[in-house]
Amino acid sequence: MTTNEGALRVLYFPNVPCDPIIFDVDSVAEAITVIETSTKLHLGMFAGNHCPDYTDAVCLEVYDGEDWVEWYHPDYDVDIEEYMGFEADCTGEV
C-alpha cells in the first residue's frame, strides 16, 4: 500500500499498554470525531463494568513522506489532545 505525504491516522490505545487500533482519516475534523467516539465508547464500557480499568491514549499522526510522525497544529504547535482541550475537560480546570 502506498501512503501519500500528508496522510493522517489516529492511533487509539484502549488499555495502555497495548497495541493501538489504527484509523485512517481524511482530515483533522474526522480525527476528532474518531477520537471522541472511541473515547466515549470506552468510557461507557468502563461505566458498565465491561472493562476493568480505564487507561486509554490517543495520538494523531501525519505521514511526512518517509515516516509517521505526531501531528501538531500548524498555527498553535500543540498536539491533538491539547488542540481538543482534553486536559481541561478531564481535570475540570481551565
PDB file of N, CA and C in Angstrom:
ATOM      1  N   MET A   1       0.848  -1.182   0.000  1.00  0.00           N
ATOM      2  CA  MET A   1       0.000   0.000   0.000  1.00  0.00           C
ATOM      3  C   MET A   1       0.892   1.243   0.000  1.00  0.00           C
ATOM      4  N   THR A   2       0.573   2.182  -0.847  1.00  0.00           N
ATOM      5  CA  THR A   2       1.318   3.438  -0.917  1.00  0.00           C
ATOM      6  C   THR A   2       0.647   4.469  -0.032  1.00  0.00           C
ATOM      7  N   THR A   3       1.433   5.128   0.784  1.00  0.00           N
ATOM      8  CA  THR A   3       0.909   6.176   1.662  1.00  0.00           C
ATOM      9  C   THR A   3       1.359   7.521   1.121  1.00  0.00           C
ATOM     10  N   ASN A   4       0.409   8.413   0.945  1.00  0.00           N
ATOM     11  CA  ASN A   4       0.715   9.744   0.432  1.00  0.00           C
ATOM     12  C   ASN A   4       1.181  10.672   1.544  1.00  0.00           C
ATOM     13  N   GLU A   5       2.116  11.534   1.206  1.00  0.00           N
ATOM     14  CA  GLU A   5       2.564  12.544   2.163  1.00  0.00           C
ATOM     15  C   GLU A   5       1.364  13.376   2.598  1.00  0.00           C
ATOM     16  N   GLY A   6       1.270  13.621   3.912  1.00  0.00           N
ATOM     17  CA  GLY A   6       0.153  14.379   4.472  1.00  0.00           C
ATOM     18  C   GLY A   6      -1.005  13.517   4.935  1.00  0.00           C
ATOM     19  N   ALA A   7      -0.940  12.195   4.667  1.00  0.00           N
ATOM     20  CA  ALA A   7      -1.988  11.291   5.135  1.00  0.00           C
ATOM     21  C   ALA A   7      -2.052  11.339   6.658  1.00  0.00           C
ATOM     22  N   LEU A   8      -3.249  11.142   7.191  1.00  0.00           N
ATOM     23  CA  LEU A   8      -3.473  11.197   8.645  1.00  0.00           C
ATOM     24  C   LEU A   8      -3.998   9.862   9.153  1.00  0.00           C
ATOM     25  N   ARG A   9      -3.634   9.539  10.388  1.00  0.00           N
ATOM     26  CA  ARG A   9      -4.194   8.365  11.048  1.00  0.00           C
ATOM     27  C   ARG A   9      -4.265   8.612  12.542  1.00  0.00           C
ATOM     28  N   VAL A  10      -5.303   8.050  13.145  1.00  0.00           N
ATOM     29  CA  VAL A  10      -5.488   8.096  14.595  1.00  0.00           C
ATOM     30  C   VAL A  10      -5.020   6.770  15.163  1.00  0.00           C
ATOM     31  N   LEU A  11      -4.204   6.833  16.195  1.00  0.00           N
ATOM     32  CA  LEU A  11      -3.829   5.647  16.954  1.00  0.00           C
ATOM     33  C   LEU A  11      -4.585   5.711  18.272  1.00  0.00           C
ATOM     34  N   TYR A  12      -5.404   4.705  18.522  1.00  0.00           N
ATOM     35  CA  TYR A  12      -6.179   4.648  19.755  1.00  0.00           C
ATOM     36  C   TYR A  12      -5.704   3.442  20.551  1.00  0.00           C
ATOM     37  N   PHE A  13      -5.195   3.706  21.740  1.00  0.00           N
ATOM     38  CA  PHE A  13      -4.722   2.670  22.657  1.00  0.00           C
ATOM     39  C   PHE A  13      -5.801   2.493  23.722  1.00  0.00           C
ATOM     40  N   PRO A  14      -6.668   1.470  23.614  1.00  0.00           N
ATOM     41  CA  PRO A  14      -7.809   1.363  24.516  1.00  0.00           C
ATOM     42  C   PRO A  14      -7.462   0.985  25.953  1.00  0.00           C
ATOM     43  N   ASN A  15      -6.325   0.381  26.173  1.00  0.00           N
ATOM     44  CA  ASN A  15      -5.970  -0.009  27.537  1.00  0.00           C
ATOM     45  C   ASN A  15      -4.448  -0.108  27.623  1.00  0.00           C
ATOM     46  N   VAL A  16      -3.810   0.997  27.901  1.00  0.00           N
ATOM     47  CA  VAL A  16      -2.350   1.100  27.918  1.00  0.00           C
ATOM     48  C   VAL A  16      -1.788   0.191  29.009  1.00  0.00           C
ATOM     49  N   PRO A  17      -0.747  -0.584  28.744  1.00  0.00           N
ATOM     50  CA  PRO A  17      -0.031  -0.715  27.480  1.00  0.00           C
ATOM     51  C   PRO A  17      -0.716  -1.737  26.576  1.00  0.00           C
ATOM     52  N   CYS A  18      -0.824  -1.419  25.300  1.00  0.00           N
ATOM     53  CA  CYS A  18      -1.411  -2.327  24.321  1.00  0.00           C
ATOM     54  C   CYS A  18      -1.034  -1.846  22.922  1.00  0.00           C
ATOM     55  N   ASP A  19      -1.307  -2.670  21.941  1.00  0.00           N
ATOM     56  CA  ASP A  19      -1.133  -2.249  20.558  1.00  0.00           C
ATOM     57  C   ASP A  19      -2.292  -1.324  20.194  1.00  0.00           C
ATOM     58  N   PRO A  20      -2.043  -0.334  19.353  1.00  0.00           N
ATOM     59  CA  PRO A  20      -3.119   0.594  19.008  1.00  0.00           C
ATOM     60  C   PRO A  20      -4.082   0.023  17.974  1.00  0.00           C
ATOM     61  N   ILE A  21      -5.289   0.557  17.995  1.00  0.00           N
ATOM     62  CA  ILE A  21      -6.232   0.388  16.901  1.00  0.00           C
ATOM     63  C   ILE A  21      -5.981   1.593  16.000  1.00  0.00           C
ATOM     64  N   ILE A  22      -5.762   1.360  14.712  1.00  0.00           N
ATOM     65  CA  ILE A  22      -5.395   2.439  13.809  1.00  0.00           C
ATOM     66  C   ILE A  22      -6.555   2.756  12.874  1.00  0.00           C
ATOM     67  N   PHE A  23      -6.923   4.038  12.825  1.00  0.00           N
ATOM     68  CA  PHE A  23      -7.983   4.531  11.960  1.00  0.00           C
ATOM     69  C   PHE A  23      -7.377   5.514  10.962  1.00  0.00           C
ATOM     70  N   ASP A  24      -7.467   5.210   9.672  1.00  0.00           N
ATOM     71  CA  ASP A  24      -7.071   6.181   8.656  1.00  0.00           C
ATOM     72  C   ASP A  24      -8.172   7.229   8.563  1.00  0.00           C
ATOM     73  N   VAL A  25      -7.808   8.497   8.549  1.00  0.00           N
ATOM     74  CA  VAL A  25      -8.779   9.586   8.481  1.00  0.00           C
ATOM     75  C   VAL A  25      -8.385  10.566   7.376  1.00  0.00           C
ATOM     76  N   ASP A  26      -9.368  11.297   6.889  1.00  0.00           N
ATOM     77  CA  ASP A  26      -9.134  12.229   5.787  1.00  0.00           C
ATOM     78  C   ASP A  26      -8.874  13.658   6.236  1.00  0.00           C
ATOM     79  N   SER A  27      -9.148  13.954   7.504  1.00  0.00           N
ATOM     80  CA  SER A  27      -8.988  15.335   7.975  1.00  0.00           C
ATOM     81  C   SER A  27      -8.844  15.351   9.489  1.00  0.00           C
ATOM     82  N   VAL A  28      -8.414  16.487  10.007  1.00  0.00           N
ATOM     83  CA  VAL A  28      -8.325  16.662  11.462  1.00  0.00           C
ATOM     84  C   VAL A  28      -9.725  16.587  12.066  1.00  0.00           C
ATOM     85  N   ALA A  29     -10.715  17.144  11.381  1.00  0.00           N
ATOM     86  CA  ALA A  29     -12.098  17.085  11.888  1.00  0.00           C
ATOM     87  C   ALA A  29     -12.565  15.635  12.016  1.00  0.00           C
ATOM     88  N   GLU A  30     -12.254  14.794  11.028  1.00  0.00           N
ATOM     89  CA  GLU A  30     -12.620  13.385  11.108  1.00  0.00           C
ATOM     90  C   GLU A  30     -11.851  12.702  12.232  1.00  0.00           C
ATOM     91  N   ALA A  31     -10.589  13.066  12.429  1.00  0.00           N
ATOM     92  CA  ALA A  31      -9.794  12.505  13.524  1.00  0.00           C
ATOM     93  C   ALA A  31     -10.443  12.819  14.869  1.00  0.00           C
ATOM     94  N   ILE A  32     -10.898  14.041  15.033  1.00  0.00           N
ATOM     95  CA  ILE A  32     -11.549  14.436  16.284  1.00  0.00           C
ATOM     96  C   ILE A  32     -12.808  13.598  16.509  1.00  0.00           C
ATOM     97  N   THR A  33     -13.587  13.367  15.461  1.00  0.00           N
ATOM     98  CA  THR A  33     -14.791  12.538  15.586  1.00  0.00           C
ATOM     99  C   THR A  33     -14.428  11.121  16.001  1.00  0.00           C
ATOM    100  N   VAL A  34     -13.400  10.540  15.398  1.00  0.00           N
ATOM    101  CA  VAL A  34     -12.960   9.186  15.744  1.00  0.00           C
ATOM    102  C   VAL A  34     -12.487   9.141  17.196  1.00  0.00           C
ATOM    103  N   ILE A  35     -11.702  10.132  17.602  1.00  0.00           N
ATOM    104  CA  ILE A  35     -11.187  10.171  18.969  1.00  0.00           C
ATOM    105  C   ILE A  35     -12.325  10.298  19.977  1.00  0.00           C
ATOM    106  N   GLU A  36     -13.246  11.223  19.725  1.00  0.00           N
ATOM    107  CA  GLU A  36     -14.369  11.418  20.651  1.00  0.00           C
ATOM    108  C   GLU A  36     -15.246  10.168  20.731  1.00  0.00           C
ATOM    109  N   THR A  37     -15.518   9.548  19.584  1.00  0.00           N
ATOM    110  CA  THR A  37     -16.355   8.344  19.565  1.00  0.00           C
ATOM    111  C   THR A  37     -15.678   7.185  20.290  1.00  0.00           C
ATOM    112  N   SER A  38     -14.412   6.958  20.008  1.00  0.00           N
ATOM    113  CA  SER A  38     -13.684   5.865  20.658  1.00  0.00           C
ATOM    114  C   SER A  38     -13.613   6.063  22.162  1.00  0.00           C
ATOM    115  N   THR A  39     -13.324   7.291  22.563  1.00  0.00           N
ATOM    116  CA  THR A  39     -13.202   7.580  23.988  1.00  0.00           C
ATOM    117  C   THR A  39     -14.542   7.422  24.703  1.00  0.00           C
ATOM    118  N   LYS A  40     -15.612   7.921  24.104  1.00  0.00           N
ATOM    119  CA  LYS A  40     -16.949   7.785  24.717  1.00  0.00           C
ATOM    120  C   LYS A  40     -17.369   6.318  24.796  1.00  0.00           C
ATOM    121  N   LEU A  41     -17.048   5.550  23.767  1.00  0.00           N
ATOM    122  CA  LEU A  41     -17.371   4.122  23.789  1.00  0.00           C
ATOM    123  C   LEU A  41     -16.651   3.433  24.937  1.00  0.00           C
ATOM    124  N   HIS A  42     -15.358   3.719  25.104  1.00  0.00           N
ATOM    125  CA  HIS A  42     -14.595   3.084  26.172  1.00  0.00           C
ATOM    126  C   HIS A  42     -15.086   3.547  27.545  1.00  0.00           C
ATOM    127  N   LEU A  43     -15.404   4.823  27.676  1.00  0.00           N
ATOM    128  CA  LEU A  43     -15.952   5.301  28.949  1.00  0.00           C
ATOM    129  C   LEU A  43     -17.254   4.587  29.292  1.00  0.00           C
ATOM    130  N   GLY A  44     -18.103   4.378  28.290  1.00  0.00           N
ATOM    131  CA  GLY A  44     -19.355   3.660  28.516  1.00  0.00           C
ATOM    132  C   GLY A  44     -19.128   2.216  28.922  1.00  0.00           C
ATOM    133  N   MET A  45     -18.136   1.573  28.292  1.00  0.00           N
ATOM    134  CA  MET A  45     -17.813   0.197  28.672  1.00  0.00           C
ATOM    135  C   MET A  45     -17.284   0.142  30.094  1.00  0.00           C
ATOM    136  N   PHE A  46     -16.463   1.122  30.467  1.00  0.00           N
ATOM    137  CA  PHE A  46     -15.938   1.155  31.832  1.00  0.00           C
ATOM    138  C   PHE A  46     -17.074   1.394  32.834  1.00  0.00           C
ATOM    139  N   ALA A  47     -17.938   2.336  32.530  1.00  0.00           N
ATOM    140  CA  ALA A  47     -19.056   2.643  33.433  1.00  0.00           C
ATOM    141  C   ALA A  47     -19.976   1.438  33.614  1.00  0.00           C
ATOM    142  N   GLY A  48     -20.106   0.617  32.577  1.00  0.00           N
ATOM    143  CA  GLY A  48     -20.952  -0.573  32.662  1.00  0.00           C
ATOM    144  C   GLY A  48     -20.218  -1.811  33.138  1.00  0.00           C
ATOM    145  N   ASN A  49     -19.012  -1.613  33.672  1.00  0.00           N
ATOM    146  CA  ASN A  49     -18.196  -2.715  34.184  1.00  0.00           C
ATOM    147  C   ASN A  49     -17.865  -3.775  33.127  1.00  0.00           C
ATOM    148  N   HIS A  50     -17.702  -3.343  31.884  1.00  0.00           N
ATOM    149  CA  HIS A  50     -17.331  -4.264  30.809  1.00  0.00           C
ATOM    150  C   HIS A  50     -15.821  -4.311  30.588  1.00  0.00           C
ATOM    151  N   CYS A  51     -15.092  -3.405  31.235  1.00  0.00           N
ATOM    152  CA  CYS A  51     -13.628  -3.437  31.207  1.00  0.00           C
ATOM    153  C   CYS A  51     -13.129  -3.050  32.597  1.00  0.00           C
ATOM    154  N   PRO A  52     -12.010  -3.635  33.029  1.00  0.00           N
ATOM    155  CA  PRO A  52     -11.579  -3.494  34.423  1.00  0.00           C
ATOM    156  C   PRO A  52     -11.048  -2.117  34.812  1.00  0.00           C
ATOM    157  N   ASP A  53     -10.494  -1.386  33.861  1.00  0.00           N
ATOM    158  CA  ASP A  53      -9.968  -0.066  34.195  1.00  0.00           C
ATOM    159  C   ASP A  53     -10.016   0.809  32.960  1.00  0.00           C
ATOM    160  N   TYR A  54      -9.605   2.037  33.133  1.00  0.00           N
ATOM    161  CA  TYR A  54      -9.713   2.976  32.026  1.00  0.00           C
ATOM    162  C   TYR A  54      -8.416   3.746  31.901  1.00  0.00           C
ATOM    163  N   THR A  55      -7.559   3.291  31.013  1.00  0.00           N
ATOM    164  CA  THR A  55      -6.270   3.946  30.790  1.00  0.00           C
ATOM    165  C   THR A  55      -6.004   4.025  29.293  1.00  0.00           C
ATOM    166  N   ASP A  56      -6.807   4.837  28.593  1.00  0.00           N
ATOM    167  CA  ASP A  56      -6.623   4.921  27.148  1.00  0.00           C
ATOM    168  C   ASP A  56      -5.699   6.075  26.770  1.00  0.00           C
ATOM    169  N   ALA A  57      -5.274   6.059  25.526  1.00  0.00           N
ATOM    170  CA  ALA A  57      -4.438   7.134  24.989  1.00  0.00           C
ATOM    171  C   ALA A  57      -4.734   7.250  23.499  1.00  0.00           C
ATOM    172  N   VAL A  58      -4.579   8.460  22.988  1.00  0.00           N
ATOM    173  CA  VAL A  58      -4.783   8.691  21.561  1.00  0.00           C
ATOM    174  C   VAL A  58      -3.625   9.500  21.004  1.00  0.00           C
ATOM    175  N   CYS A  59      -3.428   9.354  19.701  1.00  0.00           N
ATOM    176  CA  CYS A  59      -2.390  10.104  19.009  1.00  0.00           C
ATOM    177  C   CYS A  59      -2.850  10.302  17.570  1.00  0.00           C
ATOM    178  N   LEU A  60      -2.619  11.460  17.025  1.00  0.00           N
ATOM    179  CA  LEU A  60      -2.856  11.706  15.610  1.00  0.00           C
ATOM    180  C   LEU A  60      -1.497  11.803  14.942  1.00  0.00           C
ATOM    181  N   GLU A  61      -1.317  11.012  13.890  1.00  0.00           N
ATOM    182  CA  GLU A  61      -0.053  11.031  13.167  1.00  0.00           C
ATOM    183  C   GLU A  61      -0.282  11.494  11.734  1.00  0.00           C
ATOM    184  N   VAL A  62       0.760  12.094  11.177  1.00  0.00           N
ATOM    185  CA  VAL A  62       0.762  12.524   9.780  1.00  0.00           C
ATOM    186  C   VAL A  62       1.960  11.879   9.099  1.00  0.00           C
ATOM    187  N   TYR A  63       1.784  11.484   7.848  1.00  0.00           N
ATOM    188  CA  TYR A  63       2.884  10.876   7.105  1.00  0.00           C
ATOM    189  C   TYR A  63       3.683  11.985   6.436  1.00  0.00           C
ATOM    190  N   ASP A  64       4.978  12.053   6.736  1.00  0.00           N
ATOM    191  CA  ASP A  64       5.817  13.146   6.219  1.00  0.00           C
ATOM    192  C   ASP A  64       6.543  12.786   4.921  1.00  0.00           C
ATOM    193  N   GLY A  65       6.168  11.680   4.315  1.00  0.00           N
ATOM    194  CA  GLY A  65       6.824  11.229   3.097  1.00  0.00           C
ATOM    195  C   GLY A  65       7.792  10.093   3.335  1.00  0.00           C
ATOM    196  N   GLU A  66       8.255   9.949   4.585  1.00  0.00           N
ATOM    197  CA  GLU A  66       9.165   8.867   4.947  1.00  0.00           C
ATOM    198  C   GLU A  66       8.688   8.080   6.158  1.00  0.00           C
ATOM    199  N   ASP A  67       8.149   8.771   7.146  1.00  0.00           N
ATOM    200  CA  ASP A  67       7.735   8.149   8.401  1.00  0.00           C
ATOM    201  C   ASP A  67       6.432   8.767   8.895  1.00  0.00           C
ATOM    202  N   TRP A  68       5.776   8.025   9.791  1.00  0.00           N
ATOM    203  CA  TRP A  68       4.635   8.571  10.514  1.00  0.00           C
ATOM    204  C   TRP A  68       5.181   9.355  11.702  1.00  0.00           C
ATOM    205  N   VAL A  69       4.750  10.609  11.844  1.00  0.00           N
ATOM    206  CA  VAL A  69       5.185  11.462  12.950  1.00  0.00           C
ATOM    207  C   VAL A  69       3.954  12.063  13.615  1.00  0.00           C
ATOM    208  N   GLU A  70       4.108  12.440  14.873  1.00  0.00           N
ATOM    209  CA  GLU A  70       2.979  13.026  15.583  1.00  0.00           C
ATOM    210  C   GLU A  70       2.569  14.345  14.928  1.00  0.00           C
ATOM    211  N   TRP A  71       1.261  14.522  14.789  1.00  0.00           N
ATOM    212  CA  TRP A  71       0.704  15.736  14.198  1.00  0.00           C
ATOM    213  C   TRP A  71       0.712  16.865  15.227  1.00  0.00           C
ATOM    214  N   TYR A  72       1.087  18.036  14.787  1.00  0.00           N
ATOM    215  CA  TYR A  72       0.988  19.251  15.601  1.00  0.00           C
ATOM    216  C   TYR A  72       0.263  20.302  14.790  1.00  0.00           C
ATOM    217  N   HIS A  73      -0.626  21.045  15.440  1.00  0.00           N
ATOM    218  CA  HIS A  73      -1.375  22.091  14.753  1.00  0.00           C
ATOM    219  C   HIS A  73      -0.389  23.110  14.189  1.00  0.00           C
ATOM    220  N   PRO A  74      -0.514  23.459  12.915  1.00  0.00           N
ATOM    221  CA  PRO A  74       0.476  24.340  12.291  1.00  0.00           C
ATOM    222  C   PRO A  74       0.502  25.766  12.843  1.00  0.00           C
ATOM    223  N   ASP A  75      -0.614  26.230  13.396  1.00  0.00           N
ATOM    224  CA  ASP A  75      -0.658  27.601  13.923  1.00  0.00           C
ATOM    225  C   ASP A  75      -0.348  27.681  15.414  1.00  0.00           C
ATOM    226  N   TYR A  76      -0.712  26.634  16.170  1.00  0.00           N
ATOM    227  CA  TYR A  76      -0.604  26.690  17.629  1.00  0.00           C
ATOM    228  C   TYR A  76       0.491  25.805  18.197  1.00  0.00           C
ATOM    229  N   ASP A  77       1.085  24.917  17.380  1.00  0.00           N
ATOM    230  CA  ASP A  77       2.137  23.998  17.809  1.00  0.00           C
ATOM    231  C   ASP A  77       1.718  23.181  19.036  1.00  0.00           C
ATOM    232  N   VAL A  78       0.512  22.610  18.959  1.00  0.00           N
ATOM    233  CA  VAL A  78       0.012  21.721  20.008  1.00  0.00           C
ATOM    234  C   VAL A  78      -0.410  20.409  19.366  1.00  0.00           C
ATOM    235  N   ASP A  79      -0.363  19.318  20.140  1.00  0.00           N
ATOM    236  CA  ASP A  79      -0.806  18.030  19.610  1.00  0.00           C
ATOM    237  C   ASP A  79      -2.330  17.967  19.629  1.00  0.00           C
ATOM    238  N   ILE A  80      -2.889  16.860  19.170  1.00  0.00           N
ATOM    239  CA  ILE A  80      -4.339  16.754  19.028  1.00  0.00           C
ATOM    240  C   ILE A  80      -5.058  16.839  20.369  1.00  0.00           C
ATOM    241  N   GLU A  81      -4.504  16.252  21.423  1.00  0.00           N
ATOM    242  CA  GLU A  81      -5.178  16.318  22.724  1.00  0.00           C
ATOM    243  C   GLU A  81      -5.218  17.743  23.248  1.00  0.00           C
ATOM    244  N   GLU A  82      -4.118  18.451  23.126  1.00  0.00           N
ATOM    245  CA  GLU A  82      -4.107  19.846  23.566  1.00  0.00           C
ATOM    246  C   GLU A  82      -5.047  20.672  22.704  1.00  0.00           C
ATOM    247  N   TYR A  83      -5.044  20.413  21.410  1.00  0.00           N
ATOM    248  CA  TYR A  83      -5.920  21.140  20.490  1.00  0.00           C
ATOM    249  C   TYR A  83      -7.389  20.939  20.852  1.00  0.00           C
ATOM    250  N   MET A  84      -7.734  19.731  21.261  1.00  0.00           N
ATOM    251  CA  MET A  84      -9.112  19.424  21.624  1.00  0.00           C
ATOM    252  C   MET A  84      -9.455  19.855  23.047  1.00  0.00           C
ATOM    253  N   GLY A  85      -8.466  20.241  23.833  1.00  0.00           N
ATOM    254  CA  GLY A  85      -8.729  20.676  25.200  1.00  0.00           C
ATOM    255  C   GLY A  85      -8.957  19.546  26.167  1.00  0.00           C
ATOM    256  N   PHE A  86      -8.383  18.376  25.893  1.00  0.00           N
ATOM    257  CA  PHE A  86      -8.593  17.221  26.761  1.00  0.00           C
ATOM    258  C   PHE A  86      -8.185  17.494  28.201  1.00  0.00           C
ATOM    259  N   GLU A  87      -7.090  18.204  28.415  1.00  0.00           N
ATOM    260  CA  GLU A  87      -6.618  18.414  29.781  1.00  0.00           C
ATOM    261  C   GLU A  87      -7.660  19.180  30.595  1.00  0.00           C
ATOM    262  N   ALA A  88      -8.232  20.215  30.019  1.00  0.00           N
ATOM    263  CA  ALA A  88      -9.249  20.991  30.737  1.00  0.00           C
ATOM    264  C   ALA A  88     -10.499  20.147  30.960  1.00  0.00           C
ATOM    265  N   ASP A  89     -10.915  19.364  29.937  1.00  0.00           N
ATOM    266  CA  ASP A  89     -12.105  18.547  30.065  1.00  0.00           C
ATOM    267  C   ASP A  89     -11.941  17.482  31.141  1.00  0.00           C
ATOM    268  N   CYS A  90     -10.760  16.877  31.218  1.00  0.00           N
ATOM    269  CA  CYS A  90     -10.547  15.771  32.153  1.00  0.00           C
ATOM    270  C   CYS A  90     -10.343  16.241  33.590  1.00  0.00           C
ATOM    271  N   THR A  91      -9.740  17.392  33.778  1.00  0.00           N
ATOM    272  CA  THR A  91      -9.458  17.834  35.130  1.00  0.00           C
ATOM    273  C   THR A  91     -10.496  18.810  35.670  1.00  0.00           C
ATOM    274  N   GLY A  92     -11.301  19.382  34.766  1.00  0.00           N
ATOM    275  CA  GLY A  92     -12.265  20.383  35.190  1.00  0.00           C
ATOM    276  C   GLY A  92     -11.610  21.746  35.394  1.00  0.00           C
ATOM    277  N   GLU A  93     -10.321  21.842  35.094  1.00  0.00           N
ATOM    278  CA  GLU A  93      -9.601  23.103  35.258  1.00  0.00           C
ATOM    279  C   GLU A  93      -9.401  23.728  33.887  1.00  0.00           C
ATOM    280  N   VAL A  94      -9.361  25.032  33.854  1.00  0.00           N
ATOM    281  CA  VAL A  94      -9.129  25.732  32.594  1.00  0.00           C
ATOM    282  C   VAL A  94      -7.799  26.439  32.658  1.00  0.00           C
TER     283      VAL A  94
END
